[in-house]
Amino acid sequence: MGLISRTATKVAIQLLDLYESGQYHILDLFHMYMGFLTKFGGHTQKHDMRRCTSWQMEDMEMAIWNDKIDYTKIPLETVFNKNRRSAKTKDATRLGVFFGLLDKEVKWRSAYGAQQTMAKFWYLLNPFVFKINNLENNVYLYGHTNYPINLGILSAANVTGVECDVAMFDEGAWVFKHLKLYEAYRNARPMVAPSNFKHIIHFSTPARYSAFQEAWLEVESYAEEIGTTLTVLRTWKDCPWITPEFLEYEEKMNTDTPWYIDQNYKGIWVVYGGAVFNNFYDVNDKLHVPKEIREGWDKIISDKGGVDWNGEITKHYLLLGKVTPKYVF
């Protein structure tokens, strides 16, 4: 065992002892943990566990603690809409290890196995990680923790009969509502029910008709109800490592698919493949539909119509609506 590994072991044991003493706020312990990472985190030419912006710290703190939520009774559920290459996976692994060091059981669930490749890479750059067992898909930590971090693909087998303290959902935008993955995503929520440290964390680029969008709308609505913030949007403008020149080049390379830029770099909720309108909402969506429209919905008279011609399976649709300078109904 090298010097950094020995030091990481001592710090891991100390963090758990301080946490169990009940004399330190959990965010103070997180700051101690992050201080160690910024000094001794692994790094390569492109990837650096030591680097962390102020907004990354704020986002991770939001996932750990909220004074409006008693996570011994209900989950502290947070949703992160972040663009490509915005350190989603990096920060999620930081959180996973921190929770693990506090002897919390962490389950990381993703739509597809390839999505876990980068997660394992970042875990290996964390000095508190002892080893990764690829057969078990477990990440083992230094210190006295009883639980390895478990990585798994969303499936009935990986969510049914499984318990944890922290449930982490990676790239839920690929979990569309018509897929079996969606059922597994929803059925994974009870994993935290028996815990006295209930945390649920969603992180993804955005997409409509997905489990991730559903989580965003539900959590955003609940946060508004209790007067707090539980959702975060981060675009390319938050990431100094993504240059305006790169985005301009990407726009030139995707002139026929403008939705690609909106989704991957601007955090806009789009339909995969694009759509004429990306900002459409259900009339009962209180967050986005004005009260006067919701209450006056029955008085809106359709004055335009057309047929959406489809194949034998989908059939045809008769569409009726009304167009105003501000809205399409």
C-alpha atoms as a PDB file:
ATOM      1  CA  MET A   1       0.000   0.000   0.000  1.00  0.00           C
ATOM      2  CA  GLY A   2       1.429   3.378  -1.043  1.00  0.00           C
ATOM      3  CA  LEU A   3       1.550   6.577   0.965  1.00  0.00           C
ATOM      4  CA  ILE A   4      -1.612   8.052  -0.594  1.00  0.00           C
ATOM      5  CA  SER A   5      -3.515   4.788  -0.058  1.00  0.00           C
ATOM      6  CA  ARG A   6      -2.477   4.646   3.593  1.00  0.00           C
ATOM      7  CA  THR A   7      -3.453   8.280   4.073  1.00  0.00           C
ATOM      8  CA  ALA A   8      -6.785   7.727   2.299  1.00  0.00           C
ATOM      9  CA  THR A   9      -7.515   4.801   4.617  1.00  0.00           C
ATOM     10  CA  LYS A  10      -6.869   6.921   7.707  1.00  0.00           C
ATOM     11  CA  VAL A  11      -9.000   9.787   6.381  1.00  0.00           C
ATOM     12  CA  ALA A  12     -11.813   7.374   5.447  1.00  0.00           C
ATOM     13  CA  ILE A  13     -11.854   5.921   8.969  1.00  0.00           C
ATOM     14  CA  GLN A  14     -11.781   9.408  10.469  1.00  0.00           C
ATOM     15  CA  LEU A  15     -14.677  10.625   8.299  1.00  0.00           C
ATOM     16  CA  LEU A  16     -16.848   7.699   9.383  1.00  0.00           C
ATOM     17  CA  ASP A  17     -15.937   8.211  13.051  1.00  0.00           C
ATOM     18  CA  LEU A  18     -16.795  11.909  12.851  1.00  0.00           C
ATOM     19  CA  TYR A  19     -20.071  11.153  11.076  1.00  0.00           C
ATOM     20  CA  GLU A  20     -21.101   8.552  13.639  1.00  0.00           C
ATOM     21  CA  SER A  21     -20.229  10.925  16.488  1.00  0.00           C
ATOM     22  CA  GLY A  22     -23.081  13.174  15.375  1.00  0.00           C
ATOM     23  CA  GLN A  23     -21.060  16.282  16.200  1.00  0.00           C
ATOM     24  CA  TYR A  24     -20.357  17.376  12.626  1.00  0.00           C
ATOM     25  CA  HIS A  25     -22.696  18.562   9.906  1.00  0.00           C
ATOM     26  CA  ILE A  26     -22.654  16.252   6.911  1.00  0.00           C
ATOM     27  CA  LEU A  27     -21.653  19.119   4.600  1.00  0.00           C
ATOM     28  CA  ASP A  28     -18.624  19.860   6.787  1.00  0.00           C
ATOM     29  CA  LEU A  29     -17.576  16.247   6.330  1.00  0.00           C
ATOM     30  CA  PHE A  30     -18.123  16.586   2.579  1.00  0.00           C
ATOM     31  CA  HIS A  31     -15.848  19.626   2.504  1.00  0.00           C
ATOM     32  CA  MET A  32     -13.144  17.610   4.289  1.00  0.00           C
ATOM     33  CA  TYR A  33     -13.565  14.833   1.739  1.00  0.00           C
ATOM     34  CA  MET A  34     -13.408  17.217  -1.216  1.00  0.00           C
ATOM     35  CA  GLY A  35     -10.350  18.909   0.257  1.00  0.00           C
ATOM     36  CA  PHE A  36      -8.565  15.566   0.134  1.00  0.00           C
ATOM     37  CA  LEU A  37      -9.674  14.971  -3.468  1.00  0.00           C
ATOM     38  CA  THR A  38      -8.493  18.377  -4.658  1.00  0.00           C
ATOM     39  CA  LYS A  39      -5.066  17.577  -3.227  1.00  0.00           C
ATOM     40  CA  PHE A  40      -4.635  13.867  -3.920  1.00  0.00           C
ATOM     41  CA  GLY A  41      -7.200  13.041  -6.617  1.00  0.00           C
ATOM     42  CA  GLY A  42      -5.982  11.039  -9.581  1.00  0.00           C
ATOM     43  CA  HIS A  43      -5.445  12.751 -12.906  1.00  0.00           C
ATOM     44  CA  THR A  44      -4.454  12.189 -16.503  1.00  0.00           C
ATOM     45  CA  GLN A  45      -3.781  14.632 -19.296  1.00  0.00           C
ATOM     46  CA  LYS A  46      -7.533  14.988 -19.953  1.00  0.00           C
ATOM     47  CA  HIS A  47      -9.195  13.909 -16.715  1.00  0.00           C
ATOM     48  CA  ASP A  48      -8.544  15.469 -13.339  1.00  0.00           C
ATOM     49  CA  MET A  49     -10.291  14.446 -10.116  1.00  0.00           C
ATOM     50  CA  ARG A  50      -8.660  17.411  -8.384  1.00  0.00           C
ATOM     51  CA  ARG A  51     -10.492  19.991 -10.478  1.00  0.00           C
ATOM     52  CA  CYS A  52     -13.827  21.283  -9.211  1.00  0.00           C
ATOM     53  CA  THR A  53     -15.728  24.506  -9.964  1.00  0.00           C
ATOM     54  CA  SER A  54     -17.854  26.390  -7.433  1.00  0.00           C
ATOM     55  CA  TRP A  55     -21.083  25.336  -9.149  1.00  0.00           C
ATOM     56  CA  GLN A  56     -20.045  21.691  -9.070  1.00  0.00           C
ATOM     57  CA  MET A  57     -19.648  21.981  -5.299  1.00  0.00           C
ATOM     58  CA  GLU A  58     -23.059  23.639  -5.009  1.00  0.00           C
ATOM     59  CA  ASP A  59     -24.697  20.911  -7.076  1.00  0.00           C
ATOM     60  CA  MET A  60     -23.175  18.108  -5.037  1.00  0.00           C
ATOM     61  CA  GLU A  61     -24.116  19.809  -1.772  1.00  0.00           C
ATOM     62  CA  MET A  62     -27.710  20.040  -2.994  1.00  0.00           C
ATOM     63  CA  ALA A  63     -27.745  16.266  -3.485  1.00  0.00           C
ATOM     64  CA  ILE A  64     -26.447  15.659   0.045  1.00  0.00           C
ATOM     65  CA  TRP A  65     -28.423  17.955   2.312  1.00  0.00           C
ATOM     66  CA  ASN A  66     -31.587  20.079   2.336  1.00  0.00           C
ATOM     67  CA  ASP A  67     -32.991  21.683   5.472  1.00  0.00           C
ATOM     68  CA  LYS A  68     -36.562  21.335   4.151  1.00  0.00           C
ATOM     69  CA  ILE A  69     -36.395  17.546   3.855  1.00  0.00           C
ATOM     70  CA  ASP A  70     -36.041  14.942   6.594  1.00  0.00           C
ATOM     71  CA  TYR A  71     -34.422  12.113   4.657  1.00  0.00           C
ATOM     72  CA  THR A  72     -35.017   9.674   7.489  1.00  0.00           C
ATOM     73  CA  LYS A  73     -38.697   9.841   6.486  1.00  0.00           C
ATOM     74  CA  ILE A  74     -38.849  10.809   2.796  1.00  0.00           C
ATOM     75  CA  PRO A  75     -36.179  10.793   0.078  1.00  0.00           C
ATOM     76  CA  LEU A  76     -34.018  13.791  -0.629  1.00  0.00           C
ATOM     77  CA  GLU A  77     -34.520  13.532  -4.393  1.00  0.00           C
ATOM     78  CA  THR A  78     -32.518  15.733  -6.743  1.00  0.00           C
ATOM     79  CA  VAL A  79     -32.404  15.980 -10.542  1.00  0.00           C
ATOM     80  CA  PHE A  80     -29.475  17.261 -12.611  1.00  0.00           C
ATOM     81  CA  ASN A  81     -30.035  18.257 -16.245  1.00  0.00           C
ATOM     82  CA  LYS A  82     -26.481  18.640 -17.507  1.00  0.00           C
ATOM     83  CA  ASN A  83     -25.092  18.811 -21.018  1.00  0.00           C
ATOM     84  CA  ARG A  84     -22.519  16.486 -22.516  1.00  0.00           C
ATOM     85  CA  ARG A  85     -19.046  16.696 -20.985  1.00  0.00           C
ATOM     86  CA  SER A  86     -20.289  18.746 -18.029  1.00  0.00           C
ATOM     87  CA  ALA A  87     -18.806  16.421 -15.378  1.00  0.00           C
ATOM     88  CA  LYS A  88     -22.080  14.586 -14.662  1.00  0.00           C
ATOM     89  CA  THR A  89     -20.400  11.242 -14.161  1.00  0.00           C
ATOM     90  CA  LYS A  90     -17.354  12.667 -12.416  1.00  0.00           C
ATOM     91  CA  ASP A  91     -19.450  14.431  -9.768  1.00  0.00           C
ATOM     92  CA  ALA A  92     -21.792  11.466  -9.381  1.00  0.00           C
ATOM     93  CA  THR A  93     -18.840   9.191  -8.599  1.00  0.00           C
ATOM     94  CA  ARG A  94     -17.589  11.734  -6.070  1.00  0.00           C
ATOM     95  CA  LEU A  95     -20.984  11.592  -4.371  1.00  0.00           C
ATOM     96  CA  GLY A  96     -21.127   7.811  -4.539  1.00  0.00           C
ATOM     97  CA  VAL A  97     -17.765   7.442  -2.815  1.00  0.00           C
ATOM     98  CA  PHE A  98     -18.615  10.037  -0.168  1.00  0.00           C
ATOM     99  CA  PHE A  99     -21.850   8.260   0.726  1.00  0.00           C
ATOM    100  CA  GLY A 100     -20.011   4.946   0.732  1.00  0.00           C
ATOM    101  CA  LEU A 101     -17.382   6.258   3.149  1.00  0.00           C
ATOM    102  CA  LEU A 102     -20.220   7.120   5.549  1.00  0.00           C
ATOM    103  CA  ASP A 103     -21.203   3.446   5.415  1.00  0.00           C
ATOM    104  CA  LYS A 104     -24.230   4.067   3.203  1.00  0.00           C
ATOM    105  CA  GLU A 105     -25.271   1.498   0.614  1.00  0.00           C
ATOM    106  CA  VAL A 106     -25.134   2.982  -2.888  1.00  0.00           C
ATOM    107  CA  LYS A 107     -26.790   1.482  -5.980  1.00  0.00           C
ATOM    108  CA  TRP A 108     -25.881   3.025  -9.354  1.00  0.00           C
ATOM    109  CA  ARG A 109     -28.317   2.135 -12.130  1.00  0.00           C
ATOM    110  CA  SER A 110     -27.959   3.017 -15.818  1.00  0.00           C
ATOM    111  CA  ALA A 111     -29.924   2.266 -18.961  1.00  0.00           C
ATOM    112  CA  TYR A 112     -27.068   0.483 -20.729  1.00  0.00           C
ATOM    113  CA  GLY A 113     -23.820  -1.162 -19.687  1.00  0.00           C
ATOM    114  CA  ALA A 114     -21.559   1.056 -21.798  1.00  0.00           C
ATOM    115  CA  GLN A 115     -22.654   4.056 -19.736  1.00  0.00           C
ATOM    116  CA  GLN A 116     -20.808   2.579 -16.761  1.00  0.00           C
ATOM    117  CA  THR A 117     -17.419   2.574 -18.503  1.00  0.00           C
ATOM    118  CA  MET A 118     -16.726   6.231 -17.763  1.00  0.00           C
ATOM    119  CA  ALA A 119     -18.063   5.847 -14.239  1.00  0.00           C
ATOM    120  CA  LYS A 120     -15.514   3.124 -13.520  1.00  0.00           C
ATOM    121  CA  PHE A 121     -12.766   5.297 -14.979  1.00  0.00           C
ATOM    122  CA  TRP A 122     -13.617   8.144 -12.599  1.00  0.00           C
ATOM    123  CA  TYR A 123     -13.960   5.782  -9.656  1.00  0.00           C
ATOM    124  CA  LEU A 124     -10.418   4.574 -10.295  1.00  0.00           C
ATOM    125  CA  LEU A 125      -9.149   8.169 -10.120  1.00  0.00           C
ATOM    126  CA  ASN A 126     -10.651   8.545  -6.646  1.00  0.00           C
ATOM    127  CA  PRO A 127      -7.952   7.849  -4.001  1.00  0.00           C
ATOM    128  CA  PHE A 128     -10.556   6.375  -1.627  1.00  0.00           C
ATOM    129  CA  VAL A 129     -11.313   3.543  -4.081  1.00  0.00           C
ATOM    130  CA  PHE A 130      -9.493   0.319  -3.248  1.00  0.00           C
ATOM    131  CA  LYS A 131     -10.509  -1.745  -6.276  1.00  0.00           C
ATOM    132  CA  ILE A 132     -13.267  -2.479  -8.794  1.00  0.00           C
ATOM    133  CA  ASN A 133     -14.488  -6.037  -9.243  1.00  0.00           C
ATOM    134  CA  ASN A 134     -15.839  -6.175 -12.795  1.00  0.00           C
ATOM    135  CA  LEU A 135     -17.453  -9.588 -12.293  1.00  0.00           C
ATOM    136  CA  GLU A 136     -19.486  -8.321  -9.362  1.00  0.00           C
ATOM    137  CA  ASN A 137     -19.691  -4.765 -10.745  1.00  0.00           C
ATOM    138  CA  ASN A 138     -18.751  -3.540  -7.281  1.00  0.00           C
ATOM    139  CA  VAL A 139     -16.533  -0.619  -6.295  1.00  0.00           C
ATOM    140  CA  TYR A 140     -14.691  -1.288  -3.013  1.00  0.00           C
ATOM    141  CA  LEU A 141     -13.492   1.538  -0.771  1.00  0.00           C
ATOM    142  CA  TYR A 142     -10.789   1.990   1.831  1.00  0.00           C
ATOM    143  CA  GLY A 143     -11.875   2.343   5.437  1.00  0.00           C
ATOM    144  CA  HIS A 144     -14.491   0.548   7.528  1.00  0.00           C
ATOM    145  CA  THR A 145     -17.490   0.725   5.210  1.00  0.00           C
ATOM    146  CA  ASN A 146     -19.603  -2.425   4.972  1.00  0.00           C
ATOM    147  CA  TYR A 147     -20.973  -1.795   1.502  1.00  0.00           C
ATOM    148  CA  PRO A 148     -19.302  -1.606  -1.908  1.00  0.00           C
ATOM    149  CA  ILE A 149     -20.858   0.707  -4.471  1.00  0.00           C
ATOM    150  CA  ASN A 150     -22.874  -1.501  -6.811  1.00  0.00           C
ATOM    151  CA  LEU A 151     -23.180  -0.678 -10.521  1.00  0.00           C
ATOM    152  CA  GLY A 152     -25.955  -2.284 -12.520  1.00  0.00           C
ATOM    153  CA  ILE A 153     -28.154  -2.031 -15.592  1.00  0.00           C
ATOM    154  CA  LEU A 154     -31.812  -1.193 -15.096  1.00  0.00           C
ATOM    155  CA  SER A 155     -33.733  -4.459 -15.042  1.00  0.00           C
ATOM    156  CA  ALA A 156     -36.263  -6.226 -12.871  1.00  0.00           C
ATOM    157  CA  ALA A 157     -33.483  -8.332 -11.359  1.00  0.00           C
ATOM    158  CA  ASN A 158     -31.442  -5.261 -10.407  1.00  0.00           C
ATOM    159  CA  VAL A 159     -34.247  -3.339  -8.691  1.00  0.00           C
ATOM    160  CA  THR A 160     -36.631  -5.957  -7.281  1.00  0.00           C
ATOM    161  CA  GLY A 161     -35.745  -7.229  -3.823  1.00  0.00           C
ATOM    162  CA  VAL A 162     -32.866  -4.748  -3.645  1.00  0.00           C
ATOM    163  CA  GLU A 163     -32.349  -2.220  -0.860  1.00  0.00           C
ATOM    164  CA  CYS A 164     -30.036   0.762  -0.546  1.00  0.00           C
ATOM    165  CA  ASP A 165     -29.614   4.141   1.090  1.00  0.00           C
ATOM    166  CA  VAL A 166     -28.690   6.031  -2.073  1.00  0.00           C
ATOM    167  CA  ALA A 167     -30.193   5.289  -5.503  1.00  0.00           C
ATOM    168  CA  MET A 168     -28.371   6.927  -8.417  1.00  0.00           C
ATOM    169  CA  PHE A 169     -29.875   6.958 -11.920  1.00  0.00           C
ATOM    170  CA  ASP A 170     -27.518   7.567 -14.841  1.00  0.00           C
ATOM    171  CA  GLU A 171     -28.790   8.938 -18.203  1.00  0.00           C
ATOM    172  CA  GLY A 172     -32.505   8.432 -17.617  1.00  0.00           C
ATOM    173  CA  ALA A 173     -33.156  10.350 -20.844  1.00  0.00           C
ATOM    174  CA  TRP A 174     -32.567   7.045 -22.648  1.00  0.00           C
ATOM    175  CA  VAL A 175     -35.313   5.410 -20.590  1.00  0.00           C
ATOM    176  CA  PHE A 176     -38.319   6.134 -22.778  1.00  0.00           C
ATOM    177  CA  LYS A 177     -41.788   5.466 -21.448  1.00  0.00           C
ATOM    178  CA  HIS A 178     -42.589   2.718 -23.961  1.00  0.00           C
ATOM    179  CA  LEU A 179     -39.574   0.611 -22.934  1.00  0.00           C
ATOM    180  CA  LYS A 180     -39.296  -2.089 -20.277  1.00  0.00           C
ATOM    181  CA  LEU A 181     -36.445   0.009 -18.886  1.00  0.00           C
ATOM    182  CA  TYR A 182     -39.048   2.563 -17.816  1.00  0.00           C
ATOM    183  CA  GLU A 183     -40.812   0.016 -15.621  1.00  0.00           C
ATOM    184  CA  ALA A 184     -37.496  -0.871 -13.977  1.00  0.00           C
ATOM    185  CA  TYR A 185     -36.687   2.821 -13.457  1.00  0.00           C
ATOM    186  CA  ARG A 186     -39.981   3.421 -11.657  1.00  0.00           C
ATOM    187  CA  ASN A 187     -39.809   0.171  -9.713  1.00  0.00           C
ATOM    188  CA  ALA A 188     -36.347   1.059  -8.425  1.00  0.00           C
ATOM    189  CA  ARG A 189     -37.684   3.808  -6.174  1.00  0.00           C
ATOM    190  CA  PRO A 190     -38.699   1.491  -3.293  1.00  0.00           C
ATOM    191  CA  MET A 191     -35.034   0.474  -2.922  1.00  0.00           C
ATOM    192  CA  VAL A 192     -34.587   3.374  -0.469  1.00  0.00           C
ATOM    193  CA  ALA A 193     -37.851   2.850   1.450  1.00  0.00           C
ATOM    194  CA  PRO A 194     -36.374   1.020   4.506  1.00  0.00           C
ATOM    195  CA  SER A 195     -33.399   3.386   4.818  1.00  0.00           C
ATOM    196  CA  ASN A 196     -33.009   6.182   7.363  1.00  0.00           C
ATOM    197  CA  PHE A 197     -30.776   7.978   4.834  1.00  0.00           C
ATOM    198  CA  LYS A 198     -33.071   8.087   1.793  1.00  0.00           C
ATOM    199  CA  HIS A 199     -31.399   9.752  -1.200  1.00  0.00           C
ATOM    200  CA  ILE A 200     -32.383   9.547  -4.886  1.00  0.00           C
ATOM    201  CA  ILE A 201     -30.209  11.249  -7.504  1.00  0.00           C
ATOM    202  CA  HIS A 202     -30.993  11.568 -11.237  1.00  0.00           C
ATOM    203  CA  PHE A 203     -28.396  12.921 -13.689  1.00  0.00           C
ATOM    204  CA  SER A 204     -28.693  13.036 -17.474  1.00  0.00           C
ATOM    205  CA  THR A 205     -28.923  15.109 -20.609  1.00  0.00           C
ATOM    206  CA  PRO A 206     -32.600  15.891 -21.308  1.00  0.00           C
ATOM    207  CA  ALA A 207     -35.148  14.144 -23.530  1.00  0.00           C
ATOM    208  CA  ARG A 208     -38.929  14.259 -23.675  1.00  0.00           C
ATOM    209  CA  TYR A 209     -41.128  11.222 -22.999  1.00  0.00           C
ATOM    210  CA  SER A 210     -38.441   9.777 -20.758  1.00  0.00           C
ATOM    211  CA  ALA A 211     -38.201   8.692 -17.136  1.00  0.00           C
ATOM    212  CA  PHE A 212     -35.731  11.527 -16.622  1.00  0.00           C
ATOM    213  CA  GLN A 213     -38.185  14.181 -17.782  1.00  0.00           C
ATOM    214  CA  GLU A 214     -40.863  12.679 -15.573  1.00  0.00           C
ATOM    215  CA  ALA A 215     -38.511  12.828 -12.574  1.00  0.00           C
ATOM    216  CA  TRP A 216     -37.616  16.439 -13.397  1.00  0.00           C
ATOM    217  CA  LEU A 217     -41.243  17.599 -13.561  1.00  0.00           C
ATOM    218  CA  GLU A 218     -42.274  15.756 -10.411  1.00  0.00           C
ATOM    219  CA  VAL A 219     -39.312  16.936  -8.333  1.00  0.00           C
ATOM    220  CA  GLU A 220     -39.467  20.496  -9.671  1.00  0.00           C
ATOM    221  CA  SER A 221     -43.144  20.676  -8.728  1.00  0.00           C
ATOM    222  CA  TYR A 222     -42.504  19.309  -5.237  1.00  0.00           C
ATOM    223  CA  ALA A 223     -39.608  21.722  -4.685  1.00  0.00           C
ATOM    224  CA  GLU A 224     -41.853  24.645  -5.605  1.00  0.00           C
ATOM    225  CA  GLU A 225     -44.478  23.350  -3.184  1.00  0.00           C
ATOM    226  CA  ILE A 226     -42.092  23.268  -0.196  1.00  0.00           C
ATOM    227  CA  GLY A 227     -40.090  26.351  -1.187  1.00  0.00           C
ATOM    228  CA  THR A 228     -36.680  24.957  -2.063  1.00  0.00           C
ATOM    229  CA  THR A 229     -34.499  23.940  -5.021  1.00  0.00           C
ATOM    230  CA  LEU A 230     -34.037  20.300  -6.007  1.00  0.00           C
ATOM    231  CA  THR A 231     -33.309  20.582  -9.739  1.00  0.00           C
ATOM    232  CA  VAL A 232     -30.326  22.036 -11.605  1.00  0.00           C
ATOM    233  CA  LEU A 233     -29.716  22.948 -15.249  1.00  0.00           C
ATOM    234  CA  ARG A 234     -26.133  23.220 -16.491  1.00  0.00           C
ATOM    235  CA  THR A 235     -25.329  24.089 -20.104  1.00  0.00           C
ATOM    236  CA  TRP A 236     -22.119  24.491 -22.093  1.00  0.00           C
ATOM    237  CA  LYS A 237     -21.896  28.087 -20.826  1.00  0.00           C
ATOM    238  CA  ASP A 238     -21.204  26.744 -17.328  1.00  0.00           C
ATOM    239  CA  CYS A 239     -18.273  24.677 -18.599  1.00  0.00           C
ATOM    240  CA  PRO A 240     -15.095  26.690 -19.297  1.00  0.00           C
ATOM    241  CA  TRP A 241     -13.584  23.608 -20.944  1.00  0.00           C
ATOM    242  CA  ILE A 242     -16.210  23.772 -23.733  1.00  0.00           C
ATOM    243  CA  THR A 243     -15.275  26.689 -25.973  1.00  0.00           C
ATOM    244  CA  PRO A 244     -17.638  28.850 -28.066  1.00  0.00           C
ATOM    245  CA  GLU A 245     -15.575  27.835 -31.103  1.00  0.00           C
ATOM    246  CA  PHE A 246     -16.307  24.169 -30.436  1.00  0.00           C
ATOM    247  CA  LEU A 247     -20.043  24.806 -30.147  1.00  0.00           C
ATOM    248  CA  GLU A 248     -20.002  26.862 -33.350  1.00  0.00           C
ATOM    249  CA  TYR A 249     -18.263  24.001 -35.119  1.00  0.00           C
ATOM    250  CA  GLU A 250     -20.805  21.509 -33.766  1.00  0.00           C
ATOM    251  CA  GLU A 251     -23.645  23.684 -35.046  1.00  0.00           C
ATOM    252  CA  LYS A 252     -22.098  23.703 -38.525  1.00  0.00           C
ATOM    253  CA  MET A 253     -21.721  19.922 -38.448  1.00  0.00           C
ATOM    254  CA  ASN A 254     -25.355  19.439 -37.391  1.00  0.00           C
ATOM    255  CA  THR A 255     -27.262  21.936 -39.525  1.00  0.00           C
ATOM    256  CA  ASP A 256     -29.785  19.250 -40.467  1.00  0.00           C
ATOM    257  CA  THR A 257     -30.330  18.200 -36.837  1.00  0.00           C
ATOM    258  CA  PRO A 258     -30.606  21.390 -34.726  1.00  0.00           C
ATOM    259  CA  TRP A 259     -32.262  19.414 -31.928  1.00  0.00           C
ATOM    260  CA  TYR A 260     -28.890  17.704 -31.370  1.00  0.00           C
ATOM    261  CA  ILE A 261     -27.252  20.945 -30.195  1.00  0.00           C
ATOM    262  CA  ASP A 262     -30.288  21.922 -28.126  1.00  0.00           C
ATOM    263  CA  GLN A 263     -30.265  18.635 -26.283  1.00  0.00           C
ATOM    264  CA  ASN A 264     -26.566  17.910 -25.839  1.00  0.00           C
ATOM    265  CA  TYR A 265     -25.249  21.396 -25.077  1.00  0.00           C
ATOM    266  CA  LYS A 266     -28.139  23.706 -24.168  1.00  0.00           C
ATOM    267  CA  GLY A 267     -30.177  21.508 -21.840  1.00  0.00           C
ATOM    268  CA  ILE A 268     -33.391  21.907 -23.836  1.00  0.00           C
ATOM    269  CA  TRP A 269     -36.036  19.196 -23.548  1.00  0.00           C
ATOM    270  CA  VAL A 270     -36.328  17.806 -27.057  1.00  0.00           C
ATOM    271  CA  VAL A 271     -37.780  14.791 -28.784  1.00  0.00           C
ATOM    272  CA  TYR A 272     -35.033  12.488 -30.096  1.00  0.00           C
ATOM    273  CA  GLY A 273     -34.966  13.019 -33.834  1.00  0.00           C
ATOM    274  CA  GLY A 274     -36.449  16.496 -33.552  1.00  0.00           C
ATOM    275  CA  ALA A 275     -39.944  17.962 -33.744  1.00  0.00           C
ATOM    276  CA  VAL A 276     -41.634  21.070 -35.123  1.00  0.00           C
ATOM    277  CA  PHE A 277     -42.380  22.241 -31.580  1.00  0.00           C
ATOM    278  CA  ASN A 278     -40.122  21.425 -28.638  1.00  0.00           C
ATOM    279  CA  ASN A 279     -41.890  23.593 -26.069  1.00  0.00           C
ATOM    280  CA  PHE A 280     -45.248  21.827 -25.829  1.00  0.00           C
ATOM    281  CA  TYR A 281     -46.952  21.021 -22.530  1.00  0.00           C
ATOM    282  CA  ASP A 282     -49.974  19.246 -21.158  1.00  0.00           C
ATOM    283  CA  VAL A 283     -52.713  21.724 -20.243  1.00  0.00           C
ATOM    284  CA  ASN A 284     -52.563  20.519 -16.629  1.00  0.00           C
ATOM    285  CA  ASP A 285     -48.838  21.280 -16.289  1.00  0.00           C
ATOM    286  CA  LYS A 286     -48.997  23.983 -13.602  1.00  0.00           C
ATOM    287  CA  LEU A 287     -45.315  24.806 -13.908  1.00  0.00           C
ATOM    288  CA  HIS A 288     -45.430  25.831 -17.556  1.00  0.00           C
ATOM    289  CA  VAL A 289     -49.060  26.566 -18.481  1.00  0.00           C
ATOM    290  CA  PRO A 290     -50.507  29.902 -17.265  1.00  0.00           C
ATOM    291  CA  LYS A 291     -53.479  29.742 -14.914  1.00  0.00           C
ATOM    292  CA  GLU A 292     -55.781  31.628 -17.299  1.00  0.00           C
ATOM    293  CA  ILE A 293     -55.207  29.013 -20.011  1.00  0.00           C
ATOM    294  CA  ARG A 294     -55.759  26.067 -17.651  1.00  0.00           C
ATOM    295  CA  GLU A 295     -59.009  27.559 -16.357  1.00  0.00           C
ATOM    296  CA  GLY A 296     -60.212  28.737 -19.773  1.00  0.00           C
ATOM    297  CA  TRP A 297     -59.260  25.592 -21.690  1.00  0.00           C
ATOM    298  CA  ASP A 298     -62.873  24.566 -22.411  1.00  0.00           C
ATOM    299  CA  LYS A 299     -63.599  27.956 -23.974  1.00  0.00           C
ATOM    300  CA  ILE A 300     -60.885  27.679 -26.636  1.00  0.00           C
ATOM    301  CA  ILE A 301     -62.526  26.893 -29.983  1.00  0.00           C
ATOM    302  CA  SER A 302     -60.549  24.990 -32.620  1.00  0.00           C
ATOM    303  CA  ASP A 303     -60.524  26.723 -35.990  1.00  0.00           C
ATOM    304  CA  LYS A 304     -57.884  24.693 -37.842  1.00  0.00           C
ATOM    305  CA  GLY A 305     -57.391  21.012 -38.542  1.00  0.00           C
ATOM    306  CA  GLY A 306     -55.583  18.395 -40.534  1.00  0.00           C
ATOM    307  CA  VAL A 307     -54.771  14.716 -40.815  1.00  0.00           C
ATOM    308  CA  ASP A 308     -51.550  13.143 -39.571  1.00  0.00           C
ATOM    309  CA  TRP A 309     -51.047  10.292 -42.061  1.00  0.00           C
ATOM    310  CA  ASN A 310     -49.304   7.237 -40.623  1.00  0.00           C
ATOM    311  CA  GLY A 311     -48.847   3.569 -41.388  1.00  0.00           C
ATOM    312  CA  GLU A 312     -51.101   0.605 -40.688  1.00  0.00           C
ATOM    313  CA  ILE A 313     -49.850   0.119 -37.131  1.00  0.00           C
ATOM    314  CA  THR A 314     -50.005   3.746 -35.947  1.00  0.00           C
ATOM    315  CA  LYS A 315     -53.120   4.616 -37.990  1.00  0.00           C
ATOM    316  CA  HIS A 316     -54.136   8.182 -38.852  1.00  0.00           C
ATOM    317  CA  TYR A 317     -54.913  11.099 -36.563  1.00  0.00           C
ATOM    318  CA  LEU A 318     -57.346  13.967 -37.076  1.00  0.00           C
ATOM    319  CA  LEU A 319     -55.769  17.003 -35.430  1.00  0.00           C
ATOM    320  CA  LEU A 320     -57.813  20.052 -34.449  1.00  0.00           C
ATOM    321  CA  GLY A 321     -56.367  23.226 -32.968  1.00  0.00           C
ATOM    322  CA  LYS A 322     -56.150  26.964 -32.754  1.00  0.00           C
ATOM    323  CA  VAL A 323     -53.221  29.282 -33.449  1.00  0.00           C
ATOM    324  CA  THR A 324     -52.699  32.612 -31.676  1.00  0.00           C
ATOM    325  CA  PRO A 325     -49.722  35.006 -31.827  1.00  0.00           C
ATOM    326  CA  LYS A 326     -48.417  33.466 -28.589  1.00  0.00           C
ATOM    327  CA  TYR A 327     -49.660  29.861 -28.456  1.00  0.00           C
ATOM    328  CA  VAL A 328     -50.673  26.848 -30.505  1.00  0.00           C
ATOM    329  CA  PHE A 329     -53.580  24.911 -28.942  1.00  0.00           C
END
